[in-house]
Amino acid sequence: MLERLHEWGYREADTAAAALTHLLVRTAVADGGRRVSVHLADQNRQALIVALSHQTGLAVADTGVLPQLTGLGAVSCGTDTADDGRRVWAVLDL
């Protein structure tokens, strides 16, 4: 993830981006699925980092992780549960 941000010309937010990614992935892994995917996008000097748990049949998304994400520098974040699993995401200013 950091390598991709560097390829896009963003290096200033390495610490926050790494910490957010770690927490997003850890949250998705806790759902107990067999795989996790991480998605990254950038627009207007912001990065969107999304982790998907791919664990079906989950109850309503737990929002307890959101204060932790904002504490790590997310300017926006959220979580939801869909047919394909739980999505947890954060937006970071670059």
C-alpha atoms as a PDB file:
ATOM      1  CA  MET A   1       0.000   0.000   0.000  1.00  0.00           C
ATOM      2  CA  LEU A   2       2.795   2.421   0.857  1.00  0.00           C
ATOM      3  CA  GLU A   3       4.634   1.443  -2.307  1.00  0.00           C
ATOM      4  CA  ARG A   4       1.571   2.331  -4.383  1.00  0.00           C
ATOM      5  CA  LEU A   5       1.171   5.679  -2.612  1.00  0.00           C
ATOM      6  CA  HIS A   6       4.845   6.400  -3.313  1.00  0.00           C
ATOM      7  CA  GLU A   7       4.334   5.531  -6.985  1.00  0.00           C
ATOM      8  CA  TRP A   8       1.526   8.079  -7.043  1.00  0.00           C
ATOM      9  CA  GLY A   9       3.862  10.697  -5.554  1.00  0.00           C
ATOM     10  CA  TYR A  10       2.618  10.669  -1.954  1.00  0.00           C
ATOM     11  CA  ARG A  11       5.199  10.199   0.787  1.00  0.00           C
ATOM     12  CA  GLU A  12       4.196  12.627   3.528  1.00  0.00           C
ATOM     13  CA  ALA A  13       1.596  10.450   5.254  1.00  0.00           C
ATOM     14  CA  ASP A  14       3.469   7.123   5.501  1.00  0.00           C
ATOM     15  CA  THR A  15       3.062   6.697   9.255  1.00  0.00           C
ATOM     16  CA  ALA A  16      -0.659   7.465   9.293  1.00  0.00           C
ATOM     17  CA  ALA A  17      -1.336   5.412   6.140  1.00  0.00           C
ATOM     18  CA  ALA A  18       0.480   2.384   7.557  1.00  0.00           C
ATOM     19  CA  ALA A  19      -1.283   2.644  10.925  1.00  0.00           C
ATOM     20  CA  LEU A  20      -4.714   3.031   9.320  1.00  0.00           C
ATOM     21  CA  THR A  21      -4.119   0.092   6.986  1.00  0.00           C
ATOM     22  CA  HIS A  22      -2.972  -2.092   9.871  1.00  0.00           C
ATOM     23  CA  LEU A  23      -6.094  -1.313  11.899  1.00  0.00           C
ATOM     24  CA  LEU A  24      -8.433  -1.758   8.922  1.00  0.00           C
ATOM     25  CA  VAL A  25      -6.922  -5.151   8.076  1.00  0.00           C
ATOM     26  CA  ARG A  26      -6.863  -6.270  11.719  1.00  0.00           C
ATOM     27  CA  THR A  27     -10.563  -5.367  11.987  1.00  0.00           C
ATOM     28  CA  ALA A  28     -11.433  -7.319   8.827  1.00  0.00           C
ATOM     29  CA  VAL A  29      -9.374 -10.346   9.914  1.00  0.00           C
ATOM     30  CA  ALA A  30     -11.235 -10.417  13.245  1.00  0.00           C
ATOM     31  CA  ASP A  31     -14.395 -11.354  11.322  1.00  0.00           C
ATOM     32  CA  GLY A  32     -12.896 -14.824  10.855  1.00  0.00           C
ATOM     33  CA  GLY A  33     -13.071 -15.124   7.093  1.00  0.00           C
ATOM     34  CA  ARG A  34     -10.621 -17.070   4.957  1.00  0.00           C
ATOM     35  CA  ARG A  35      -9.395 -13.985   3.109  1.00  0.00           C
ATOM     36  CA  VAL A  36      -9.222 -10.208   3.336  1.00  0.00           C
ATOM     37  CA  SER A  37      -8.814  -7.720   0.516  1.00  0.00           C
ATOM     38  CA  VAL A  38      -7.455  -4.201   0.718  1.00  0.00           C
ATOM     39  CA  HIS A  39      -8.331  -1.535  -1.827  1.00  0.00           C
ATOM     40  CA  LEU A  40      -6.660   1.831  -2.310  1.00  0.00           C
ATOM     41  CA  ALA A  41      -7.718   4.882  -4.311  1.00  0.00           C
ATOM     42  CA  ASP A  42      -6.604   8.508  -4.449  1.00  0.00           C
ATOM     43  CA  GLN A  43      -8.346  11.708  -5.432  1.00  0.00           C
ATOM     44  CA  ASN A  44      -7.673  15.359  -4.664  1.00  0.00           C
ATOM     45  CA  ARG A  45      -4.706  14.574  -2.364  1.00  0.00           C
ATOM     46  CA  GLN A  46      -6.716  12.113  -0.293  1.00  0.00           C
ATOM     47  CA  ALA A  47      -6.386   8.339  -0.081  1.00  0.00           C
ATOM     48  CA  LEU A  48      -9.285   5.976   0.433  1.00  0.00           C
ATOM     49  CA  ILE A  49      -8.224   2.723   2.097  1.00  0.00           C
ATOM     50  CA  VAL A  50     -10.805  -0.073   2.293  1.00  0.00           C
ATOM     51  CA  ALA A  51     -10.536  -3.521   3.889  1.00  0.00           C
ATOM     52  CA  LEU A  52     -13.148  -6.162   3.094  1.00  0.00           C
ATOM     53  CA  SER A  53     -13.507  -9.264   5.258  1.00  0.00           C
ATOM     54  CA  HIS A  54     -15.313 -11.522   2.734  1.00  0.00           C
ATOM     55  CA  GLN A  55     -17.039 -13.160   5.718  1.00  0.00           C
ATOM     56  CA  THR A  56     -20.733 -13.545   4.912  1.00  0.00           C
ATOM     57  CA  GLY A  57     -23.575 -13.690   7.401  1.00  0.00           C
ATOM     58  CA  LEU A  58     -22.252 -11.002   9.749  1.00  0.00           C
ATOM     59  CA  ALA A  59     -24.518  -8.947  11.958  1.00  0.00           C
ATOM     60  CA  VAL A  60     -24.714  -5.183  11.704  1.00  0.00           C
ATOM     61  CA  ALA A  61     -21.293  -3.574  11.473  1.00  0.00           C
ATOM     62  CA  ASP A  62     -19.559  -2.735  14.742  1.00  0.00           C
ATOM     63  CA  THR A  63     -18.734   0.977  14.830  1.00  0.00           C
ATOM     64  CA  GLY A  64     -16.324   0.679  17.784  1.00  0.00           C
ATOM     65  CA  VAL A  65     -13.317   0.941  15.468  1.00  0.00           C
ATOM     66  CA  LEU A  66     -14.303   4.372  14.108  1.00  0.00           C
ATOM     67  CA  PRO A  67     -12.890   6.487  16.974  1.00  0.00           C
ATOM     68  CA  GLN A  68      -9.610   4.585  16.651  1.00  0.00           C
ATOM     69  CA  LEU A  69      -9.455   5.360  12.927  1.00  0.00           C
ATOM     70  CA  THR A  70     -10.039   9.071  13.490  1.00  0.00           C
ATOM     71  CA  GLY A  71      -7.424   8.983  16.241  1.00  0.00           C
ATOM     72  CA  LEU A  72      -4.921   7.702  13.674  1.00  0.00           C
ATOM     73  CA  GLY A  73      -5.643  10.577  11.295  1.00  0.00           C
ATOM     74  CA  ALA A  74      -8.647   9.546   9.204  1.00  0.00           C
ATOM     75  CA  VAL A  75     -10.616  12.601   8.098  1.00  0.00           C
ATOM     76  CA  SER A  76     -13.566  10.339   7.331  1.00  0.00           C
ATOM     77  CA  CYS A  77     -14.255   6.669   8.021  1.00  0.00           C
ATOM     78  CA  GLY A  78     -17.007   4.125   8.150  1.00  0.00           C
ATOM     79  CA  THR A  79     -18.037   0.506   8.228  1.00  0.00           C
ATOM     80  CA  ASP A  80     -20.905  -1.469   6.782  1.00  0.00           C
ATOM     81  CA  THR A  81     -21.918  -5.064   6.247  1.00  0.00           C
ATOM     82  CA  ALA A  82     -23.117  -6.418   2.905  1.00  0.00           C
ATOM     83  CA  ASP A  83     -23.554  -9.792   1.215  1.00  0.00           C
ATOM     84  CA  ASP A  84     -19.826  -9.957   0.463  1.00  0.00           C
ATOM     85  CA  GLY A  85     -18.740  -9.223   4.038  1.00  0.00           C
ATOM     86  CA  ARG A  86     -17.821  -6.279   6.216  1.00  0.00           C
ATOM     87  CA  ARG A  87     -16.221  -3.200   4.680  1.00  0.00           C
ATOM     88  CA  VAL A  88     -14.183  -0.891   6.864  1.00  0.00           C
ATOM     89  CA  TRP A  89     -12.757   2.248   5.267  1.00  0.00           C
ATOM     90  CA  ALA A  90     -10.844   5.419   6.036  1.00  0.00           C
ATOM     91  CA  VAL A  91      -9.992   8.574   4.100  1.00  0.00           C
ATOM     92  CA  LEU A  92      -6.611  10.154   4.780  1.00  0.00           C
ATOM     93  CA  ASP A  93      -5.405  13.581   3.692  1.00  0.00           C
ATOM     94  CA  LEU A  94      -2.168  13.321   1.746  1.00  0.00           C
END
